[in-house]
């Protein structure tokens, strides 16, 4: 395999875990506001069942800051 990339983190980890016995794989981070938390928990729970101790997931729940103009700056 020359290279592989994917936006579907759990799918990619599943593929890699099926093809290695020596690497410990991790997600790097999954932004929960962009995904259903229950689906992500199910996906990584399934990976942990199929490959015990072979993967780690990092989850982030903070919402992105939204910049809004201050009241005196808004033209009426």
PDB file of N, CA and C in Angstrom:
ATOM      1  N   UNK A   1       0.853  -1.168   0.000  1.00  0.00           N
ATOM      2  CA  UNK A   1       0.000   0.000   0.000  1.00  0.00           C
ATOM      3  C   UNK A   1       0.901   1.234   0.000  1.00  0.00           C
ATOM      4  N   UNK A   2       0.732   2.085  -0.980  1.00  0.00           N
ATOM      5  CA  UNK A   2       1.546   3.287  -1.094  1.00  0.00           C
ATOM      6  C   UNK A   2       1.097   4.336  -0.085  1.00  0.00           C
ATOM      7  N   UNK A   3      -0.187   4.602  -0.008  1.00  0.00           N
ATOM      8  CA  UNK A   3      -0.702   5.595   0.919  1.00  0.00           C
ATOM      9  C   UNK A   3      -2.208   5.530   0.977  1.00  0.00           C
ATOM     10  N   UNK A   4      -2.767   6.026   2.059  1.00  0.00           N
ATOM     11  CA  UNK A   4      -4.218   6.039   2.214  1.00  0.00           C
ATOM     12  C   UNK A   4      -4.592   7.226   3.092  1.00  0.00           C
ATOM     13  N   UNK A   5      -5.712   7.856   2.771  1.00  0.00           N
ATOM     14  CA  UNK A   5      -6.228   8.967   3.565  1.00  0.00           C
ATOM     15  C   UNK A   5      -7.745   8.880   3.547  1.00  0.00           C
ATOM     16  N   UNK A   6      -8.380   9.368   4.611  1.00  0.00           N
ATOM     17  CA  UNK A   6      -9.831   9.298   4.692  1.00  0.00           C
ATOM     18  C   UNK A   6     -10.343  10.304   5.701  1.00  0.00           C
ATOM     19  N   UNK A   7     -11.528  10.861   5.424  1.00  0.00           N
ATOM     20  CA  UNK A   7     -12.193  11.725   6.391  1.00  0.00           C
ATOM     21  C   UNK A   7     -13.022  10.889   7.364  1.00  0.00           C
ATOM     22  N   UNK A   8     -13.241   9.617   7.041  1.00  0.00           N
ATOM     23  CA  UNK A   8     -13.993   8.698   7.899  1.00  0.00           C
ATOM     24  C   UNK A   8     -13.005   7.990   8.830  1.00  0.00           C
ATOM     25  N   UNK A   9     -12.720   8.622   9.953  1.00  0.00           N
ATOM     26  CA  UNK A   9     -11.675   8.160  10.863  1.00  0.00           C
ATOM     27  C   UNK A   9     -11.855   6.715  11.304  1.00  0.00           C
ATOM     28  N   UNK A  10     -13.059   6.363  11.737  1.00  0.00           N
ATOM     29  CA  UNK A  10     -13.264   5.008  12.254  1.00  0.00           C
ATOM     30  C   UNK A  10     -13.129   3.957  11.160  1.00  0.00           C
ATOM     31  N   UNK A  11     -13.526   4.282   9.947  1.00  0.00           N
ATOM     32  CA  UNK A  11     -13.381   3.342   8.829  1.00  0.00           C
ATOM     33  C   UNK A  11     -11.905   3.114   8.531  1.00  0.00           C
ATOM     34  N   UNK A  12     -11.136   4.182   8.505  1.00  0.00           N
ATOM     35  CA  UNK A  12      -9.702   4.080   8.238  1.00  0.00           C
ATOM     36  C   UNK A  12      -8.989   3.290   9.341  1.00  0.00           C
ATOM     37  N   UNK A  13      -9.321   3.558  10.599  1.00  0.00           N
ATOM     38  CA  UNK A  13      -8.705   2.817  11.703  1.00  0.00           C
ATOM     39  C   UNK A  13      -9.061   1.337  11.611  1.00  0.00           C
ATOM     40  N   UNK A  14     -10.301   1.025  11.252  1.00  0.00           N
ATOM     41  CA  UNK A  14     -10.705  -0.370  11.092  1.00  0.00           C
ATOM     42  C   UNK A  14      -9.914  -1.076  10.010  1.00  0.00           C
ATOM     43  N   UNK A  15      -9.708  -0.388   8.895  1.00  0.00           N
ATOM     44  CA  UNK A  15      -8.924  -0.960   7.795  1.00  0.00           C
ATOM     45  C   UNK A  15      -7.482  -1.210   8.233  1.00  0.00           C
ATOM     46  N   UNK A  16      -6.891  -0.220   8.870  1.00  0.00           N
ATOM     47  CA  UNK A  16      -5.498  -0.350   9.303  1.00  0.00           C
ATOM     48  C   UNK A  16      -5.344  -1.408  10.395  1.00  0.00           C
ATOM     49  N   UNK A  17      -6.293  -1.455  11.332  1.00  0.00           N
ATOM     50  CA  UNK A  17      -6.216  -2.441  12.415  1.00  0.00           C
ATOM     51  C   UNK A  17      -6.321  -3.866  11.883  1.00  0.00           C
ATOM     52  N   UNK A  18      -7.068  -4.046  10.804  1.00  0.00           N
ATOM     53  CA  UNK A  18      -7.204  -5.376  10.207  1.00  0.00           C
ATOM     54  C   UNK A  18      -5.920  -5.818   9.516  1.00  0.00           C
ATOM     55  N   UNK A  19      -5.041  -4.859   9.230  1.00  0.00           N
ATOM     56  CA  UNK A  19      -3.825  -5.169   8.479  1.00  0.00           C
ATOM     57  C   UNK A  19      -2.540  -5.016   9.287  1.00  0.00           C
ATOM     58  N   UNK A  20      -2.651  -4.899  10.607  1.00  0.00           N
ATOM     59  CA  UNK A  20      -1.449  -4.807  11.435  1.00  0.00           C
ATOM     60  C   UNK A  20      -1.665  -5.524  12.761  1.00  0.00           C
ATOM     61  N   UNK A  21      -0.594  -5.992  13.331  1.00  0.00           N
ATOM     62  CA  UNK A  21      -0.663  -6.573  14.674  1.00  0.00           C
ATOM     63  C   UNK A  21       0.297  -5.863  15.621  1.00  0.00           C
ATOM     64  N   UNK A  22       1.095  -4.934  15.092  1.00  0.00           N
ATOM     65  CA  UNK A  22       2.111  -4.283  15.916  1.00  0.00           C
ATOM     66  C   UNK A  22       1.845  -2.804  16.172  1.00  0.00           C
ATOM     67  N   UNK A  23       1.043  -2.145  15.356  1.00  0.00           N
ATOM     68  CA  UNK A  23       0.794  -0.715  15.533  1.00  0.00           C
ATOM     69  C   UNK A  23      -0.364  -0.469  16.485  1.00  0.00           C
ATOM     70  N   UNK A  24      -0.246   0.583  17.298  1.00  0.00           N
ATOM     71  CA  UNK A  24      -1.355   1.067  18.121  1.00  0.00           C
ATOM     72  C   UNK A  24      -1.904   2.284  17.398  1.00  0.00           C
ATOM     73  N   UNK A  25      -3.171   2.265  17.044  1.00  0.00           N
ATOM     74  CA  UNK A  25      -3.763   3.301  16.198  1.00  0.00           C
ATOM     75  C   UNK A  25      -4.583   4.277  17.025  1.00  0.00           C
ATOM     76  N   UNK A  26      -4.646   5.531  16.578  1.00  0.00           N
ATOM     77  CA  UNK A  26      -5.430   6.547  17.265  1.00  0.00           C
ATOM     78  C   UNK A  26      -6.109   7.475  16.288  1.00  0.00           C
ATOM     79  N   UNK A  27      -7.187   8.104  16.749  1.00  0.00           N
ATOM     80  CA  UNK A  27      -7.966   8.976  15.871  1.00  0.00           C
ATOM     81  C   UNK A  27      -7.412  10.389  15.793  1.00  0.00           C
ATOM     82  N   UNK A  28      -6.592  10.790  16.731  1.00  0.00           N
ATOM     83  CA  UNK A  28      -6.094  12.163  16.715  1.00  0.00           C
ATOM     84  C   UNK A  28      -7.110  13.131  17.282  1.00  0.00           C
ATOM     85  N   UNK A  29      -8.355  13.004  16.912  1.00  0.00           N
ATOM     86  CA  UNK A  29      -9.418  13.849  17.442  1.00  0.00           C
ATOM     87  C   UNK A  29     -10.653  13.805  16.571  1.00  0.00           C
ATOM     88  N   UNK A  30     -11.807  13.718  17.197  1.00  0.00           N
ATOM     89  CA  UNK A  30     -13.086  13.745  16.493  1.00  0.00           C
ATOM     90  C   UNK A  30     -13.898  14.861  17.129  1.00  0.00           C
ATOM     91  N   UNK A  31     -14.283  15.844  16.345  1.00  0.00           N
ATOM     92  CA  UNK A  31     -15.066  16.966  16.860  1.00  0.00           C
ATOM     93  C   UNK A  31     -16.530  16.550  16.972  1.00  0.00           C
ATOM     94  N   UNK A  32     -17.008  16.354  18.201  1.00  0.00           N
ATOM     95  CA  UNK A  32     -18.366  15.872  18.413  1.00  0.00           C
ATOM     96  C   UNK A  32     -19.453  16.808  17.893  1.00  0.00           C
ATOM     97  N   UNK A  33     -19.284  18.141  17.902  1.00  0.00           N
ATOM     98  CA  UNK A  33     -20.339  18.980  17.330  1.00  0.00           C
ATOM     99  C   UNK A  33     -20.557  18.730  15.833  1.00  0.00           C
ATOM    100  N   UNK A  34     -19.571  18.137  15.158  1.00  0.00           N
ATOM    101  CA  UNK A  34     -19.699  17.870  13.728  1.00  0.00           C
ATOM    102  C   UNK A  34     -20.229  16.477  13.438  1.00  0.00           C
ATOM    103  N   UNK A  35     -20.355  15.632  14.447  1.00  0.00           N
ATOM    104  CA  UNK A  35     -20.783  14.246  14.280  1.00  0.00           C
ATOM    105  C   UNK A  35     -21.742  13.880  15.401  1.00  0.00           C
ATOM    106  N   UNK A  36     -22.560  12.872  15.173  1.00  0.00           N
ATOM    107  CA  UNK A  36     -23.443  12.377  16.221  1.00  0.00           C
ATOM    108  C   UNK A  36     -22.611  11.641  17.272  1.00  0.00           C
ATOM    109  N   UNK A  37     -22.614  12.112  18.523  1.00  0.00           N
ATOM    110  CA  UNK A  37     -21.804  11.466  19.558  1.00  0.00           C
ATOM    111  C   UNK A  37     -22.128   9.981  19.743  1.00  0.00           C
ATOM    112  N   UNK A  38     -23.400   9.610  19.609  1.00  0.00           N
ATOM    113  CA  UNK A  38     -23.765   8.204  19.782  1.00  0.00           C
ATOM    114  C   UNK A  38     -23.207   7.331  18.666  1.00  0.00           C
ATOM    115  N   UNK A  39     -23.208   7.843  17.444  1.00  0.00           N
ATOM    116  CA  UNK A  39     -22.652   7.086  16.318  1.00  0.00           C
ATOM    117  C   UNK A  39     -21.148   6.914  16.498  1.00  0.00           C
ATOM    118  N   UNK A  40     -20.465   7.983  16.899  1.00  0.00           N
ATOM    119  CA  UNK A  40     -19.016   7.908  17.118  1.00  0.00           C
ATOM    120  C   UNK A  40     -18.701   6.916  18.235  1.00  0.00           C
ATOM    121  N   UNK A  41     -19.468   6.958  19.334  1.00  0.00           N
ATOM    122  CA  UNK A  41     -19.253   6.017  20.438  1.00  0.00           C
ATOM    123  C   UNK A  41     -19.467   4.581  19.972  1.00  0.00           C
ATOM    124  N   UNK A  42     -20.489   4.356  19.158  1.00  0.00           N
ATOM    125  CA  UNK A  42     -20.748   3.011  18.645  1.00  0.00           C
ATOM    126  C   UNK A  42     -19.616   2.536  17.733  1.00  0.00           C
ATOM    127  N   UNK A  43     -19.148   3.413  16.848  1.00  0.00           N
ATOM    128  CA  UNK A  43     -18.081   3.039  15.917  1.00  0.00           C
ATOM    129  C   UNK A  43     -16.796   2.674  16.660  1.00  0.00           C
ATOM    130  N   UNK A  44     -16.379   3.521  17.599  1.00  0.00           N
ATOM    131  CA  UNK A  44     -15.137   3.246  18.316  1.00  0.00           C
ATOM    132  C   UNK A  44     -15.308   2.106  19.320  1.00  0.00           C
ATOM    133  N   UNK A  45     -16.515   1.919  19.851  1.00  0.00           N
ATOM    134  CA  UNK A  45     -16.777   0.765  20.706  1.00  0.00           C
ATOM    135  C   UNK A  45     -16.660  -0.534  19.926  1.00  0.00           C
ATOM    136  N   UNK A  46     -17.170  -0.528  18.695  1.00  0.00           N
ATOM    137  CA  UNK A  46     -17.057  -1.702  17.830  1.00  0.00           C
ATOM    138  C   UNK A  46     -15.599  -1.983  17.496  1.00  0.00           C
ATOM    139  N   UNK A  47     -14.836  -0.933  17.174  1.00  0.00           N
ATOM    140  CA  UNK A  47     -13.408  -1.119  16.894  1.00  0.00           C
ATOM    141  C   UNK A  47     -12.683  -1.707  18.101  1.00  0.00           C
ATOM    142  N   UNK A  48     -13.025  -1.230  19.290  1.00  0.00           N
ATOM    143  CA  UNK A  48     -12.381  -1.745  20.497  1.00  0.00           C
ATOM    144  C   UNK A  48     -12.747  -3.209  20.748  1.00  0.00           C
ATOM    145  N   UNK A  49     -13.962  -3.607  20.363  1.00  0.00           N
ATOM    146  CA  UNK A  49     -14.373  -5.006  20.502  1.00  0.00           C
ATOM    147  C   UNK A  49     -13.642  -5.893  19.502  1.00  0.00           C
ATOM    148  N   UNK A  50     -13.524  -5.416  18.259  1.00  0.00           N
ATOM    149  CA  UNK A  50     -12.859  -6.199  17.215  1.00  0.00           C
ATOM    150  C   UNK A  50     -11.348  -6.266  17.412  1.00  0.00           C
ATOM    151  N   UNK A  51     -10.758  -5.162  17.883  1.00  0.00           N
ATOM    152  CA  UNK A  51      -9.303  -5.065  18.052  1.00  0.00           C
ATOM    153  C   UNK A  51      -9.012  -4.552  19.460  1.00  0.00           C
ATOM    154  N   UNK A  52      -9.160  -5.400  20.492  1.00  0.00           N
ATOM    155  CA  UNK A  52      -8.980  -4.945  21.881  1.00  0.00           C
ATOM    156  C   UNK A  52      -7.604  -4.325  22.123  1.00  0.00           C
ATOM    157  N   UNK A  53      -7.621  -3.110  22.655  1.00  0.00           N
ATOM    158  CA  UNK A  53      -6.371  -2.427  22.976  1.00  0.00           C
ATOM    159  C   UNK A  53      -5.601  -1.928  21.775  1.00  0.00           C
ATOM    160  N   UNK A  54      -6.175  -2.041  20.595  1.00  0.00           N
ATOM    161  CA  UNK A  54      -5.451  -1.658  19.386  1.00  0.00           C
ATOM    162  C   UNK A  54      -5.702  -0.248  18.911  1.00  0.00           C
ATOM    163  N   UNK A  55      -6.692   0.445  19.522  1.00  0.00           N
ATOM    164  CA  UNK A  55      -6.978   1.798  19.056  1.00  0.00           C
ATOM    165  C   UNK A  55      -7.323   2.703  20.228  1.00  0.00           C
ATOM    166  N   UNK A  56      -7.130   3.995  19.998  1.00  0.00           N
ATOM    167  CA  UNK A  56      -7.430   5.031  20.973  1.00  0.00           C
ATOM    168  C   UNK A  56      -8.192   6.127  20.253  1.00  0.00           C
ATOM    169  N   UNK A  57      -9.191   6.696  20.902  1.00  0.00           N
ATOM    170  CA  UNK A  57      -9.914   7.797  20.277  1.00  0.00           C
ATOM    171  C   UNK A  57      -9.830   9.024  21.167  1.00  0.00           C
ATOM    172  N   UNK A  58      -9.746  10.174  20.535  1.00  0.00           N
ATOM    173  CA  UNK A  58      -9.752  11.446  21.248  1.00  0.00           C
ATOM    174  C   UNK A  58     -10.988  12.206  20.800  1.00  0.00           C
ATOM    175  N   UNK A  59     -11.791  12.639  21.749  1.00  0.00           N
ATOM    176  CA  UNK A  59     -13.032  13.327  21.419  1.00  0.00           C
ATOM    177  C   UNK A  59     -12.982  14.754  21.939  1.00  0.00           C
ATOM    178  N   UNK A  60     -13.509  15.677  21.152  1.00  0.00           N
ATOM    179  CA  UNK A  60     -13.558  17.083  21.546  1.00  0.00           C
ATOM    180  C   UNK A  60     -14.999  17.557  21.466  1.00  0.00           C
ATOM    181  N   UNK A  61     -15.466  18.219  22.509  1.00  0.00           N
ATOM    182  CA  UNK A  61     -16.863  18.626  22.551  1.00  0.00           C
ATOM    183  C   UNK A  61     -17.062  20.135  22.539  1.00  0.00           C
ATOM    184  N   UNK A  62     -16.005  20.912  22.529  1.00  0.00           N
ATOM    185  CA  UNK A  62     -16.139  22.364  22.567  1.00  0.00           C
ATOM    186  C   UNK A  62     -16.627  22.899  21.231  1.00  0.00           C
ATOM    187  N   UNK A  63     -17.570  23.799  21.288  1.00  0.00           N
ATOM    188  CA  UNK A  63     -18.086  24.417  20.064  1.00  0.00           C
ATOM    189  C   UNK A  63     -17.115  25.500  19.595  1.00  0.00           C
ATOM    190  N   UNK A  64     -17.071  25.685  18.297  1.00  0.00           N
ATOM    191  CA  UNK A  64     -16.207  26.714  17.725  1.00  0.00           C
ATOM    192  C   UNK A  64     -16.738  28.095  18.107  1.00  0.00           C
ATOM    193  N   UNK A  65     -15.847  29.021  18.357  1.00  0.00           N
ATOM    194  CA  UNK A  65     -16.245  30.394  18.684  1.00  0.00           C
ATOM    195  C   UNK A  65     -16.782  31.083  17.435  1.00  0.00           C
ATOM    196  N   UNK A  66     -17.895  31.780  17.598  1.00  0.00           N
ATOM    197  CA  UNK A  66     -18.492  32.507  16.479  1.00  0.00           C
ATOM    198  C   UNK A  66     -18.249  33.985  16.711  1.00  0.00           C
ATOM    199  N   UNK A  67     -17.620  34.621  15.757  1.00  0.00           N
ATOM    200  CA  UNK A  67     -17.308  36.037  15.878  1.00  0.00           C
ATOM    201  C   UNK A  67     -18.525  36.867  15.472  1.00  0.00           C
ATOM    202  N   UNK A  68     -18.951  37.763  16.365  1.00  0.00           N
ATOM    203  CA  UNK A  68     -20.085  38.645  16.069  1.00  0.00           C
ATOM    204  C   UNK A  68     -19.630  40.086  16.269  1.00  0.00           C
ATOM    205  N   UNK A  69     -20.092  40.983  15.414  1.00  0.00           N
ATOM    206  CA  UNK A  69     -19.710  42.389  15.590  1.00  0.00           C
ATOM    207  C   UNK A  69     -20.326  42.963  16.861  1.00  0.00           C
ATOM    208  N   UNK A  70     -19.584  43.835  17.539  1.00  0.00           N
ATOM    209  CA  UNK A  70     -20.108  44.471  18.741  1.00  0.00           C
ATOM    210  C   UNK A  70     -21.171  45.504  18.363  1.00  0.00           C
ATOM    211  N   UNK A  71     -22.046  45.835  19.316  1.00  0.00           N
ATOM    212  CA  UNK A  71     -23.179  46.725  19.048  1.00  0.00           C
ATOM    213  C   UNK A  71     -22.763  48.065  18.427  1.00  0.00           C
ATOM    214  N   UNK A  72     -21.732  48.770  18.943  1.00  0.00           N
ATOM    215  CA  UNK A  72     -21.364  50.056  18.337  1.00  0.00           C
ATOM    216  C   UNK A  72     -20.802  49.904  16.920  1.00  0.00           C
ATOM    217  N   UNK A  73     -20.343  48.713  16.561  1.00  0.00           N
ATOM    218  CA  UNK A  73     -19.736  48.508  15.248  1.00  0.00           C
ATOM    219  C   UNK A  73     -20.766  48.233  14.157  1.00  0.00           C
ATOM    220  N   UNK A  74     -21.981  47.914  14.544  1.00  0.00           N
ATOM    221  CA  UNK A  74     -23.004  47.542  13.564  1.00  0.00           C
ATOM    222  C   UNK A  74     -23.617  48.809  12.986  1.00  0.00           C
ATOM    223  N   UNK A  75     -23.576  48.929  11.676  1.00  0.00           N
ATOM    224  CA  UNK A  75     -24.182  50.095  11.013  1.00  0.00           C
ATOM    225  C   UNK A  75     -25.689  49.904  10.926  1.00  0.00           C
ATOM    226  N   UNK A  76     -26.421  50.948  11.270  1.00  0.00           N
ATOM    227  CA  UNK A  76     -27.894  50.870  11.215  1.00  0.00           C
ATOM    228  C   UNK A  76     -28.404  51.734  10.097  1.00  0.00           C
TER     229      UNK A  76
END
